[in-house]
Amino acid sequence: MPDEPVSEALVRDLLRSMKAIFAVVDAQTWEPVLESARFFEVFPPDPADPDGPVTSRIPAMDADRAADRVGRGRPYSVDVEVKASSRTLSLSVAFSAAELDGRQVVIIEAADVTKAKQNEYMLDSYSKMAEKNSRELQREKERAEKLLLNIMPRAVFEEMKDFGSVSPQRFDEATILMLDFVNFTEMAVSRNPGELVSELNDIFSAFDRIVELFGCERMKTIGDAYMAVAGLPEPNDEHAQSVARVALRMRRYLQKRNESRAEPWLGRIGIHSGPVVGSIVGVQKYVYDIFGPGVNLAARMEAQADPMQILVTQATYDRISKDFTCSDLGEREVKGFGVQRVYSVDSEWKHHI
């Protein structure tokens, strides 16, 4: 039986029953030739002009660009959002040229990509959230590292980060500096606490910069006491010279500061060179500290120093005498260490401070 031609009415009935968002429009006027019921629902015509071109029915469509591309046999597509049955749909609308019974037409197909867009949005949201969390974690990590670097040398921090613990270590060549202020107890009682702490913070911050400048390590502060060391955890052949330069800079800083202050800050500094042991102490609150007779002897030198004086032991003097001007103060009885020869550091030969 010969094939019977399909009537236009039948084609229209088929299109109406299709769930696809589909239409055929005239290539010249862009007026619908055929359209599915779903296309009509999603892209309804203007009631004032029901026979108008579909270019006015599809939002975000560049009619001139679409006509140009389709006229040259090239595809054109646009992503749109429309309201349909109280829902917002994301559609990808494609336009392509075709011929229907000798008539140039444009076939319009719209694919519902709502779920894909939702998934893309969710993935993008999760990605942004993950990126934000990652940035926050990185900031917290950097903040924690900064705090830890304030209480321990970097080399010790790196060892702790890599291995989870730090082994106590003996350092045979190190120089310790101890500083405190004259009459600080009386100052703490008589002066405004906030003002006093602020000034002490400014001074210790300046000391930190001086210590860093000469490759030393600030170990800790206790009240008005400041402790620094050179020669650990990284070896330093000029550990004694480095600490002596730090001491002179600290004294010079205080002298300049006192010139503009009604109440001066007068520091005493003691220095000793010798072996020490360094280790992390504490379980929940980490502190890196150094121990040994050398630390105690530096503290004894500080206690015997006059205001704004830098006292050093024989061990330190032997290491710095070629580079610094020192005064021999003779032998003194030092508690726990017997008779010790002590010296004051006056200036540096090469760089007068």
Protein backbone atom coordinates (compact mmCIF):
# COMPACT_ATOMS: atom_id res chain seq x y z
CA MET A 1 0.00 0.00 0.00
CA PRO A 2 1.55 3.31 -1.05
CA ASP A 3 2.55 5.75 1.69
CA GLU A 4 -0.11 8.35 2.29
CA PRO A 5 1.00 11.96 2.84
CA VAL A 6 0.86 13.09 6.46
CA SER A 7 -1.65 15.87 6.83
CA GLU A 8 -0.68 19.16 8.45
CA ALA A 9 -3.53 18.69 10.89
CA LEU A 10 -2.05 15.38 12.03
CA VAL A 11 1.35 17.00 12.46
CA ARG A 12 -0.21 19.73 14.55
CA ASP A 13 -2.01 17.14 16.68
CA LEU A 14 1.26 15.27 17.21
CA LEU A 15 3.06 18.47 18.20
CA ARG A 16 0.34 19.37 20.66
CA SER A 17 0.70 15.99 22.36
CA MET A 18 4.51 16.22 22.56
CA LYS A 19 6.08 17.05 25.88
CA ALA A 20 9.08 18.51 24.12
CA ILE A 21 9.47 22.28 23.98
CA PHE A 22 9.57 22.53 20.23
CA ALA A 23 8.53 24.92 17.46
CA VAL A 24 8.98 25.56 13.75
CA VAL A 25 8.94 29.22 12.70
CA ASP A 26 9.17 31.04 9.38
CA ALA A 27 12.77 32.01 8.66
CA GLN A 28 11.76 35.44 7.42
CA THR A 29 9.08 36.57 9.84
CA TRP A 30 9.89 34.28 12.82
CA GLU A 31 6.16 33.68 13.12
CA PRO A 32 5.20 30.17 14.32
CA VAL A 33 4.36 27.58 11.70
CA LEU A 34 4.02 24.73 14.19
CA GLU A 35 4.60 24.61 17.93
CA SER A 36 4.11 22.07 20.66
CA ALA A 37 1.70 22.72 23.50
CA ARG A 38 4.63 22.77 25.86
CA PHE A 39 6.36 25.49 23.80
CA PHE A 40 3.18 27.55 23.85
CA GLU A 41 2.95 27.10 27.64
CA VAL A 42 6.58 28.01 28.30
CA PHE A 43 6.79 30.84 25.76
CA PRO A 44 3.23 32.18 25.61
CA PRO A 45 2.43 34.84 23.00
CA ASP A 46 1.45 38.36 23.88
CA PRO A 47 -2.37 38.38 24.04
CA ALA A 48 -2.30 41.71 22.23
CA ASP A 49 -0.38 40.18 19.34
CA PRO A 50 -0.92 36.39 19.37
CA ASP A 51 0.49 36.00 15.86
CA GLY A 52 3.66 37.96 16.57
CA PRO A 53 7.17 36.56 16.06
CA VAL A 54 8.64 34.20 18.65
CA THR A 55 11.61 36.58 19.05
CA SER A 56 9.39 38.65 21.34
CA ARG A 57 8.36 35.58 23.33
CA ILE A 58 11.80 34.25 24.21
CA PRO A 59 13.57 36.40 26.83
CA ALA A 60 17.26 37.29 26.50
CA MET A 61 17.18 36.42 22.81
CA ASP A 62 19.21 38.61 20.44
CA ALA A 63 16.90 38.50 17.40
CA ASP A 64 19.37 40.12 14.99
CA ARG A 65 22.22 37.83 16.00
CA ALA A 66 19.96 34.78 15.83
CA ALA A 67 18.74 35.71 12.33
CA ASP A 68 22.30 36.37 11.13
CA ARG A 69 23.73 33.08 12.41
CA VAL A 70 20.80 30.92 11.35
CA GLY A 71 20.71 32.66 7.94
CA ARG A 72 24.34 31.62 7.42
CA GLY A 73 23.54 28.04 8.36
CA ARG A 74 25.21 28.35 11.75
CA PRO A 75 23.53 27.32 15.01
CA TYR A 76 22.49 29.82 17.66
CA SER A 77 21.61 29.14 21.28
CA VAL A 78 20.67 31.09 24.37
CA ASP A 79 20.13 30.22 28.04
CA VAL A 80 16.96 31.66 29.54
CA GLU A 81 14.88 31.49 32.69
CA VAL A 82 11.09 31.51 32.45
CA LYS A 83 8.11 31.16 34.76
CA ALA A 84 5.89 28.20 33.94
CA SER A 85 3.13 26.87 36.19
CA SER A 86 4.51 28.77 39.22
CA ARG A 87 7.93 27.26 38.63
CA THR A 88 11.09 28.89 37.36
CA LEU A 89 12.67 26.86 34.57
CA SER A 90 16.18 27.10 33.24
CA LEU A 91 16.14 26.36 29.51
CA SER A 92 18.78 26.01 26.86
CA VAL A 93 17.17 27.14 23.61
CA ALA A 94 18.77 26.09 20.28
CA PHE A 95 17.94 27.49 16.82
CA SER A 96 18.82 25.78 13.54
CA ALA A 97 17.87 26.31 9.88
CA ALA A 98 15.80 23.75 7.97
CA GLU A 99 13.53 23.41 4.93
CA LEU A 100 9.90 22.32 5.14
CA ASP A 101 8.04 21.68 1.88
CA GLY A 102 10.36 24.10 0.06
CA ARG A 103 9.92 26.71 2.76
CA GLN A 104 12.84 28.06 4.78
CA VAL A 105 12.12 27.59 8.45
CA VAL A 106 13.89 27.73 11.80
CA ILE A 107 13.58 24.85 14.21
CA ILE A 108 13.58 25.87 17.86
CA GLU A 109 14.26 23.29 20.55
CA ALA A 110 14.38 24.09 24.25
CA ALA A 111 15.95 21.66 26.70
CA ASP A 112 15.02 21.82 30.37
CA VAL A 113 18.31 22.19 32.24
CA THR A 114 16.77 23.26 35.54
CA LYS A 115 18.12 20.33 37.54
CA ALA A 116 21.51 20.63 35.90
CA LYS A 117 21.59 24.34 36.78
CA GLN A 118 20.50 23.55 40.33
CA ASN A 119 23.23 20.95 40.64
CA GLU A 120 25.73 23.37 39.15
CA TYR A 121 24.63 26.04 41.61
CA MET A 122 24.89 23.61 44.52
CA LEU A 123 28.33 22.48 43.40
CA ASP A 124 29.39 26.09 43.00
CA SER A 125 28.02 26.89 46.47
CA TYR A 126 29.79 23.89 47.99
CA SER A 127 32.96 24.86 46.16
CA LYS A 128 32.77 28.42 47.46
CA MET A 129 31.97 27.15 50.95
CA ALA A 130 34.88 24.71 50.83
CA GLU A 131 37.16 27.47 49.53
CA LYS A 132 35.99 29.79 52.31
CA ASN A 133 36.52 27.08 54.93
CA SER A 134 39.94 26.36 53.47
CA ARG A 135 40.87 30.06 53.69
CA GLU A 136 39.61 30.22 57.27
CA LEU A 137 41.56 27.08 58.18
CA GLN A 138 44.65 28.54 56.55
CA ARG A 139 44.19 31.77 58.51
CA GLU A 140 43.76 29.79 61.74
CA LYS A 141 46.85 27.76 60.90
CA GLU A 142 48.87 30.89 60.21
CA ARG A 143 47.57 32.49 63.41
CA ALA A 144 48.51 29.39 65.43
CA GLU A 145 51.95 29.26 63.81
CA LYS A 146 52.48 32.94 64.56
CA LEU A 147 51.56 32.39 68.20
CA LEU A 148 53.88 29.41 68.47
CA LEU A 149 56.71 31.34 66.82
CA ASN A 150 56.27 33.94 69.54
CA ILE A 151 57.16 31.38 72.19
CA MET A 152 59.76 29.24 70.43
CA PRO A 153 62.47 29.58 67.76
CA ARG A 154 61.49 28.70 64.19
CA ALA A 155 63.80 25.68 64.02
CA VAL A 156 62.18 24.27 67.16
CA PHE A 157 58.72 24.99 65.75
CA GLU A 158 59.60 23.18 62.51
CA GLU A 159 60.83 20.14 64.46
CA MET A 160 57.66 20.09 66.53
CA LYS A 161 55.49 20.43 63.40
CA ASP A 162 57.32 17.60 61.60
CA PHE A 163 57.68 15.15 64.49
CA GLY A 164 55.09 16.23 67.06
CA SER A 165 57.68 16.67 69.81
CA VAL A 166 61.01 18.33 70.54
CA SER A 167 63.92 16.51 72.12
CA PRO A 168 65.87 18.35 74.82
CA GLN A 169 69.17 19.50 73.35
CA ARG A 170 72.43 20.70 74.85
CA PHE A 171 74.09 23.73 73.29
CA ASP A 172 77.73 24.12 74.28
CA GLU A 173 78.16 27.55 72.70
CA ALA A 174 75.47 30.06 73.63
CA THR A 175 75.25 33.51 75.17
CA ILE A 176 72.39 34.56 77.45
CA LEU A 177 71.16 38.11 78.09
CA MET A 178 69.03 39.01 81.11
CA LEU A 179 67.48 42.47 81.57
CA ASP A 180 65.16 44.02 84.10
CA PHE A 181 64.25 47.52 85.19
CA VAL A 182 65.24 49.44 88.31
CA ASN A 183 62.38 50.18 90.74
CA PHE A 184 59.78 48.51 88.55
CA THR A 185 57.84 47.28 91.60
CA GLU A 186 57.46 50.84 92.87
CA MET A 187 56.42 51.97 89.38
CA ALA A 188 53.77 49.25 89.25
CA VAL A 189 52.26 50.44 92.52
CA SER A 190 52.35 54.19 91.87
CA ARG A 191 51.49 54.47 88.18
CA ASN A 192 48.36 53.83 86.16
CA PRO A 193 48.37 50.09 85.29
CA GLY A 194 47.19 50.55 81.71
CA GLU A 195 49.77 53.23 81.00
CA LEU A 196 52.54 51.19 82.62
CA VAL A 197 51.74 48.03 80.67
CA SER A 198 51.46 50.02 77.45
CA GLU A 199 54.93 51.52 77.94
CA LEU A 200 56.40 48.14 78.85
CA ASN A 201 54.84 46.63 75.74
CA ASP A 202 56.34 49.38 73.57
CA ILE A 203 59.79 48.81 75.08
CA PHE A 204 59.67 45.04 74.75
CA SER A 205 58.42 45.33 71.16
CA ALA A 206 61.45 47.51 70.38
CA PHE A 207 63.70 44.96 72.11
CA ASP A 208 62.18 42.22 69.95
CA ARG A 209 63.13 44.11 66.79
CA ILE A 210 66.68 44.63 68.08
CA VAL A 211 67.02 40.96 68.99
CA GLU A 212 65.78 39.90 65.54
CA LEU A 213 68.12 42.40 63.84
CA PHE A 214 71.17 40.65 65.28
CA GLY A 215 70.01 37.08 64.74
CA CYS A 216 69.21 36.33 68.36
CA GLU A 217 66.12 34.76 69.94
CA ARG A 218 63.80 36.35 72.50
CA MET A 219 63.22 33.52 74.96
CA LYS A 220 60.63 34.98 77.31
CA THR A 221 59.51 37.91 79.43
CA ILE A 222 58.53 37.61 83.09
CA GLY A 223 57.06 40.82 84.41
CA ASP A 224 59.71 43.43 83.66
CA ALA A 225 62.41 40.83 82.98
CA TYR A 226 63.50 40.18 79.38
CA MET A 227 65.59 37.19 78.32
CA ALA A 228 67.32 36.66 74.96
CA VAL A 229 69.88 34.19 73.68
CA ALA A 230 72.20 33.62 70.70
CA GLY A 231 73.79 30.37 69.54
CA LEU A 232 70.65 28.23 69.60
CA PRO A 233 68.86 26.46 68.13
CA GLU A 234 71.00 27.40 65.13
CA PRO A 235 74.77 27.62 65.81
CA ASN A 236 76.29 31.10 65.69
CA ASP A 237 80.07 31.51 65.84
CA GLU A 238 79.63 35.10 67.01
CA HIS A 239 76.91 34.47 69.58
CA ALA A 240 78.66 36.56 72.24
CA GLN A 241 79.25 39.50 69.87
CA SER A 242 75.63 39.35 68.72
CA VAL A 243 74.29 39.54 72.26
CA ALA A 244 76.71 42.35 73.18
CA ARG A 245 75.44 44.37 70.19
CA VAL A 246 71.87 43.69 71.28
CA ALA A 247 72.66 44.91 74.81
CA LEU A 248 74.26 48.14 73.55
CA ARG A 249 71.32 48.82 71.23
CA MET A 250 68.86 48.18 74.06
CA ARG A 251 70.68 50.62 76.31
CA ARG A 252 70.87 53.23 73.56
CA TYR A 253 67.16 52.84 72.86
CA LEU A 254 66.32 53.40 76.53
CA GLN A 255 68.62 56.45 76.69
CA LYS A 256 66.90 58.05 73.69
CA ARG A 257 63.46 57.17 75.04
CA ASN A 258 64.24 58.62 78.46
CA GLU A 259 65.18 61.97 76.92
CA SER A 260 61.50 62.60 76.18
CA ARG A 261 60.02 61.02 79.32
CA ALA A 262 59.42 62.52 82.76
CA GLU A 263 59.96 59.12 84.41
CA PRO A 264 62.94 57.21 83.00
CA TRP A 265 63.15 53.46 82.43
CA LEU A 266 66.55 52.32 83.70
CA GLY A 267 67.59 48.84 82.69
CA ARG A 268 70.23 46.52 84.11
CA ILE A 269 71.74 43.92 81.79
CA GLY A 270 73.69 40.77 82.60
CA ILE A 271 75.38 38.52 80.03
CA HIS A 272 77.12 35.16 80.25
CA SER A 273 78.41 32.70 77.65
CA GLY A 274 78.37 28.96 78.21
CA PRO A 275 76.47 25.70 77.71
CA VAL A 276 72.69 25.52 78.16
CA VAL A 277 69.94 22.97 77.60
CA GLY A 278 66.93 23.92 75.49
CA SER A 279 63.58 22.13 75.49
CA ILE A 280 59.82 22.46 75.24
CA VAL A 281 58.10 22.42 78.61
CA GLY A 282 54.39 22.03 79.24
CA VAL A 283 51.73 19.82 77.68
CA GLN A 284 48.77 22.09 77.02
CA LYS A 285 50.58 25.42 77.12
CA TYR A 286 53.86 25.07 75.29
CA VAL A 287 56.89 27.10 76.33
CA TYR A 288 60.38 26.74 74.92
CA ASP A 289 62.89 27.45 77.65
CA ILE A 290 66.59 27.13 78.38
CA PHE A 291 68.14 25.77 81.56
CA GLY A 292 71.50 25.41 83.19
CA PRO A 293 74.04 27.26 85.32
CA GLY A 294 74.75 29.63 82.44
CA VAL A 295 71.22 31.06 82.69
CA ASN A 296 71.57 31.56 86.44
CA LEU A 297 74.96 33.26 86.05
CA ALA A 298 73.56 35.72 83.50
CA ALA A 299 70.79 36.50 86.01
CA ARG A 300 73.43 37.07 88.73
CA MET A 301 75.25 39.52 86.44
CA GLU A 302 72.03 41.42 85.83
CA ALA A 303 71.32 41.59 89.56
CA GLN A 304 74.77 43.06 90.26
CA ALA A 305 74.66 45.61 87.43
CA ASP A 306 74.11 49.28 88.12
CA PRO A 307 71.28 51.12 86.32
CA MET A 308 72.00 51.25 82.54
CA GLN A 309 75.10 49.07 83.01
CA ILE A 310 75.94 45.94 81.00
CA LEU A 311 77.84 43.35 83.05
CA VAL A 312 79.50 40.31 81.47
CA THR A 313 81.40 37.37 82.84
CA GLN A 314 84.97 36.38 82.00
CA ALA A 315 83.63 33.79 79.54
CA THR A 316 81.80 36.44 77.56
CA TYR A 317 84.62 38.99 77.82
CA ASP A 318 87.10 36.50 76.35
CA ARG A 319 84.86 36.18 73.28
CA ILE A 320 84.18 39.89 72.71
CA SER A 321 87.28 41.72 73.97
CA LYS A 322 88.71 42.22 70.45
CA ASP A 323 85.53 43.89 69.19
CA PHE A 324 84.24 45.84 72.20
CA THR A 325 85.56 48.35 74.71
CA CYS A 326 85.12 46.84 78.16
CA SER A 327 86.04 47.95 81.67
CA ASP A 328 87.55 45.45 84.13
CA LEU A 329 85.56 45.74 87.35
CA GLY A 330 87.65 43.20 89.21
CA GLU A 331 86.54 40.14 91.12
CA ARG A 332 83.23 39.83 92.88
CA GLU A 333 81.53 37.26 95.02
CA VAL A 334 78.65 35.85 93.03
CA LYS A 335 76.02 33.84 94.87
CA GLY A 336 76.24 30.17 93.91
CA PHE A 337 79.30 30.69 91.70
CA GLY A 338 82.00 31.90 94.05
CA VAL A 339 84.43 34.60 93.02
CA GLN A 340 84.00 35.80 89.43
CA ARG A 341 85.82 38.49 87.44
CA VAL A 342 83.31 40.80 85.83
CA TYR A 343 83.45 43.46 83.12
CA SER A 344 81.18 46.21 81.86
CA VAL A 345 80.59 46.61 78.14
CA ASP A 346 81.05 50.25 77.17
CA SER A 347 81.00 50.40 73.35
CA GLU A 348 81.86 48.54 70.18
CA TRP A 349 85.14 49.20 68.39
CA LYS A 350 83.79 48.95 64.87
CA HIS A 351 80.37 50.53 65.31
CA HIS A 352 80.04 52.99 68.18
CA ILE A 353 76.49 52.72 69.40
